[in-house]
Structure formats: C-alpha cells, structure tokens
C-alpha cells in the first residue's frame, strides 16, 4: 500500500512538472495555536499542532494571554497536562475503555484493486494529456517546417541585371540625364 501511495504521489509530481496540474501552495504561518479548555472552563492555547511535551501553553484572560502556571491541569476530555514555566512537561492521556460490542467482529480491508484502479485511471489521464500535447507539438513542427521550406525557396533579393542592381541602374539613368542636360547647356553657351 505504501508503494501505491508513493507511485500516486510520483505521478502527481510528474503531472505538475509537465503542466497538467497546478501545485497547491500553502502559506506558512509563524506560530500555530490550538484552542482548548480546562475542566473548569478556563480557555488555554497550546502552540503547535497538538499536545506535545515542550509546547508553549498560555491561559487566555480578559487582560490578555499569560503563561500557564506550574502544576497539573485537566482538560475537558480528561487529559492531564503538567506545566512548568509555561511549557508542557508531561502529558497523561485518558485511556477510554472500548465498549463491548455484540456480534461478530468486522474487519475493514482496503482493496488493492481500488488503489490499482485509481493508479490506472490517473495513468490513462496522464497518457491522454501527453498524447494531446505531442499531437499539438507535431502540428506546430509541421507548420514550421512548411513555412521554412517555402521561405527557403524564395530568392534573397531581386536578380541583378548586367552586374548592377535595379537601384544602381536608376541612378545611372538619372546621372545620364543630368550629364546630358549639362552638355546641352554648354553647347548653348558656346
């Protein structure tokens, strides 16, 4: 079962890596408190994610929060917490006796088939999405190849006539007409 969970996590990581899923991001909070009540109704806060030795405990009062006094304090659920200098020194959890059940015992078993089906479904979805992406990439590559080949067949510039470009030929014609005009003026002035 452990292998199934790690395989599913690996698949999810790959799907995030290739852009098929978005990665959920959570913001880290500096200090987390758990609210609890003592048996006498006094509200307390315990830092962290649970009752553990070394966790900071404060009593919530109208004036604000103060460190829990040294001693043994009983929570509403019967758990006894010993505090020293505002920190949990010892925890005594209540051990509830299991009620006697009549009838046969029922075992709940997680089906391997269910886990395998979930993995297969995720893999199918991943493969279909990958196939779609590959198909789009092939279409883009084909389009680029067609564009490149048509571009490659076009000439780089207009052909050169008589060793001169079209612009140079126009300049020669222009110069020839100016030289003819100057020559005509010289003839009339002589």
Protein backbone atom coordinates (compact mmCIF):
# COMPACT_ATOMS: atom_id res chain seq x y z
CA UNK A 1 0.00 0.00 0.00
CA UNK A 2 2.91 2.29 0.72
CA UNK A 3 4.20 1.72 -2.80
CA UNK A 4 0.80 2.68 -4.26
CA UNK A 5 0.77 5.96 -2.36
CA UNK A 6 4.32 6.80 -3.41
CA UNK A 7 3.50 5.90 -7.03
CA UNK A 8 0.43 8.14 -6.97
CA UNK A 9 2.48 10.97 -5.47
CA UNK A 10 5.17 10.48 -8.13
CA UNK A 11 2.53 10.64 -10.87
CA UNK A 12 1.08 13.81 -9.36
CA UNK A 13 4.58 15.33 -9.22
CA UNK A 14 5.13 14.48 -12.91
CA UNK A 15 1.76 15.96 -13.85
CA UNK A 16 2.69 19.18 -12.01
CA UNK A 17 6.14 19.19 -13.64
CA UNK A 18 4.71 18.88 -17.16
CA UNK A 19 1.95 21.42 -16.55
CA UNK A 20 -1.05 19.07 -16.41
CA UNK A 21 -1.90 20.01 -12.82
CA UNK A 22 -1.21 23.04 -10.68
CA UNK A 23 0.66 22.69 -7.46
CA UNK A 24 -1.31 23.81 -4.44
CA UNK A 25 0.74 26.24 -2.44
CA UNK A 26 0.07 26.94 1.21
CA UNK A 27 1.29 29.87 3.20
CA UNK A 28 3.40 29.07 6.25
CA UNK A 29 2.18 30.65 9.44
CA UNK A 30 4.82 31.62 12.00
CA UNK A 31 3.07 30.19 15.05
CA UNK A 32 0.04 27.93 15.21
CA UNK A 33 -2.09 27.65 18.33
CA UNK A 34 -4.65 25.05 19.33
CA UNK A 35 -7.52 26.27 21.47
CA UNK A 36 -8.57 24.04 24.38
CA UNK A 37 -10.47 24.31 27.64
CA UNK A 38 -9.70 23.08 31.10
CA UNK A 39 -12.26 21.11 33.07
CA UNK A 40 -13.21 24.31 34.97
CA UNK A 41 -13.90 26.14 31.65
CA UNK A 42 -10.67 28.18 31.52
CA UNK A 43 -9.58 28.80 27.91
CA UNK A 44 -5.99 27.94 27.00
CA UNK A 45 -3.91 27.95 23.85
CA UNK A 46 -1.20 25.42 23.05
CA UNK A 47 1.41 26.29 20.41
CA UNK A 48 1.99 23.81 17.64
CA UNK A 49 -0.16 21.16 16.03
CA UNK A 50 -1.01 19.16 19.14
CA UNK A 51 -0.37 18.45 22.78
CA UNK A 52 3.30 17.54 22.91
CA UNK A 53 5.94 17.89 25.57
CA UNK A 54 7.81 21.18 25.30
CA UNK A 55 4.90 23.03 23.65
CA UNK A 56 4.11 26.52 24.93
CA UNK A 57 0.84 26.88 26.90
CA UNK A 58 -0.88 30.20 27.64
CA UNK A 59 -4.05 30.98 29.59
CA UNK A 60 -6.48 33.30 27.82
CA UNK A 61 -7.77 36.01 30.20
CA UNK A 62 -9.69 39.25 29.75
CA UNK A 63 -6.41 41.17 30.11
CA UNK A 64 -4.64 39.02 27.52
CA UNK A 65 -2.63 35.83 27.38
CA UNK A 66 -0.37 34.79 30.26
CA UNK A 67 1.92 31.74 30.57
CA UNK A 68 0.21 28.76 32.20
CA UNK A 69 1.05 28.42 35.90
CA UNK A 70 3.11 25.47 37.10
CA UNK A 71 1.05 22.43 38.04
CA UNK A 72 -1.19 19.69 36.68
CA UNK A 73 -4.17 20.89 34.63
CA UNK A 74 -7.03 18.68 33.43
CA UNK A 75 -8.60 19.32 30.03
CA UNK A 76 -12.29 18.83 29.28
CA UNK A 77 -11.57 15.48 27.62
CA UNK A 78 -9.84 14.22 30.79
CA UNK A 79 -6.26 14.59 29.55
CA UNK A 80 -3.92 15.80 32.30
CA UNK A 81 -1.16 18.23 31.35
CA UNK A 82 1.67 19.15 33.69
CA UNK A 83 3.21 22.57 33.01
CA UNK A 84 6.44 24.15 34.21
CA UNK A 85 7.39 27.73 33.30
CA UNK A 86 4.61 27.89 30.67
CA UNK A 87 5.75 24.73 28.83
CA UNK A 88 4.25 21.23 28.82
CA UNK A 89 6.41 18.96 30.95
CA UNK A 90 4.27 15.83 30.96
CA UNK A 91 1.05 14.59 29.34
CA UNK A 92 -1.24 11.90 30.74
CA UNK A 93 -3.85 10.96 28.18
CA UNK A 94 -7.11 9.37 29.21
CA UNK A 95 -7.37 5.78 28.11
CA UNK A 96 -11.00 5.12 27.38
CA UNK A 97 -12.18 1.58 27.70
CA UNK A 98 -13.56 0.24 24.49
CA UNK A 99 -17.25 -0.58 24.80
CA UNK A 100 -18.05 -4.23 24.40
CA UNK A 101 -19.63 -4.91 21.07
CA UNK A 102 -22.08 -7.65 20.47
CA UNK A 103 -21.93 -9.67 17.32
CA UNK A 104 -19.11 -10.72 15.04
CA UNK A 105 -16.05 -8.56 14.51
CA UNK A 106 -15.95 -6.78 11.20
CA UNK A 107 -12.64 -6.14 9.50
CA UNK A 108 -12.36 -3.32 7.05
CA UNK A 109 -9.89 -4.06 4.31
CA UNK A 110 -8.71 -1.63 1.69
CA UNK A 111 -8.94 -3.27 -1.68
CA UNK A 112 -5.78 -3.36 -3.72
CA UNK A 113 -7.97 -3.36 -6.79
CA UNK A 114 -9.37 0.05 -5.79
CA UNK A 115 -5.88 1.50 -5.42
CA UNK A 116 -4.73 -0.10 -8.66
CA UNK A 117 -7.80 1.22 -10.49
CA UNK A 118 -7.09 4.73 -9.20
CA UNK A 119 -3.48 4.48 -10.40
CA UNK A 120 -4.52 3.11 -13.78
CA UNK A 121 -7.11 5.89 -14.19
CA UNK A 122 -4.50 8.54 -13.32
CA UNK A 123 -2.00 6.98 -15.74
CA UNK A 124 -4.61 6.89 -18.52
CA UNK A 125 -5.46 10.55 -17.94
CA UNK A 126 -1.75 11.42 -17.95
CA UNK A 127 -1.11 9.47 -21.16
CA UNK A 128 -4.10 11.05 -22.94
CA UNK A 129 -2.93 14.52 -21.96
CA UNK A 130 0.62 13.72 -23.06
CA UNK A 131 -0.73 12.40 -26.38
CA UNK A 132 -2.66 15.64 -26.93
CA UNK A 133 0.44 17.72 -26.17
CA UNK A 134 2.60 15.62 -28.52
CA UNK A 135 -0.03 15.93 -31.28
CA UNK A 136 -0.08 19.74 -30.89
CA UNK A 137 3.72 19.83 -30.98
CA UNK A 138 3.76 17.70 -34.15
CA UNK A 139 1.26 20.07 -35.80
CA UNK A 140 3.36 23.08 -34.86
CA UNK A 141 6.53 21.38 -36.12
CA UNK A 142 4.83 20.54 -39.42
CA UNK A 143 3.64 24.13 -39.80
CA UNK A 144 7.11 25.48 -39.02
CA UNK A 145 8.68 23.04 -41.48
CA UNK A 146 6.26 24.11 -44.24
CA UNK A 147 6.92 27.80 -43.55
CA UNK A 148 10.68 27.23 -43.53
CA UNK A 149 10.67 25.30 -46.80
CA UNK A 150 8.61 27.98 -48.57
CA UNK A 151 10.92 30.67 -47.16
CA UNK A 152 13.97 28.71 -48.31
CA UNK A 153 12.69 28.57 -51.90
CA UNK A 154 12.22 32.34 -52.17
CA UNK A 155 15.18 34.35 -53.53
CA UNK A 156 17.04 36.58 -51.12
CA UNK A 157 16.73 39.66 -53.41
CA UNK A 158 15.80 40.58 -56.97
CA UNK A 159 18.15 39.28 -59.63
CA UNK A 160 20.98 41.54 -60.71
CA UNK A 161 20.76 42.84 -64.27
CA UNK A 162 24.02 43.39 -66.12
CA UNK A 163 26.02 43.26 -62.91
CA UNK A 164 24.06 46.16 -61.41
CA UNK A 165 21.12 46.26 -59.07
CA UNK A 166 17.86 47.90 -60.04
CA UNK A 167 18.56 50.90 -57.79
CA UNK A 168 22.01 51.35 -59.31
CA UNK A 169 20.52 51.25 -62.80
CA UNK A 170 18.08 54.02 -61.89
CA UNK A 171 20.93 56.08 -60.50
CA UNK A 172 22.84 55.63 -63.78
CA UNK A 173 19.81 56.75 -65.78
CA UNK A 174 19.42 59.76 -63.51
CA UNK A 175 23.08 60.64 -63.85
CA UNK A 176 22.97 60.18 -67.61
CA UNK A 177 20.05 62.61 -67.89
CA UNK A 178 21.87 65.21 -65.75
CA UNK A 179 25.06 64.86 -67.80
CA UNK A 180 23.07 65.31 -71.00
CA UNK A 181 21.45 68.45 -69.56
CA UNK A 182 24.85 69.87 -68.60
CA UNK A 183 26.22 69.06 -72.07
CA UNK A 184 23.25 70.79 -73.68
CA UNK A 185 23.81 73.90 -71.57
CA UNK A 186 27.48 74.00 -72.57
CA UNK A 187 26.58 73.83 -76.24
CA UNK A 188 24.18 76.74 -75.92
CA UNK A 189 26.66 78.86 -74.00
CA UNK A 190 29.46 78.45 -76.54
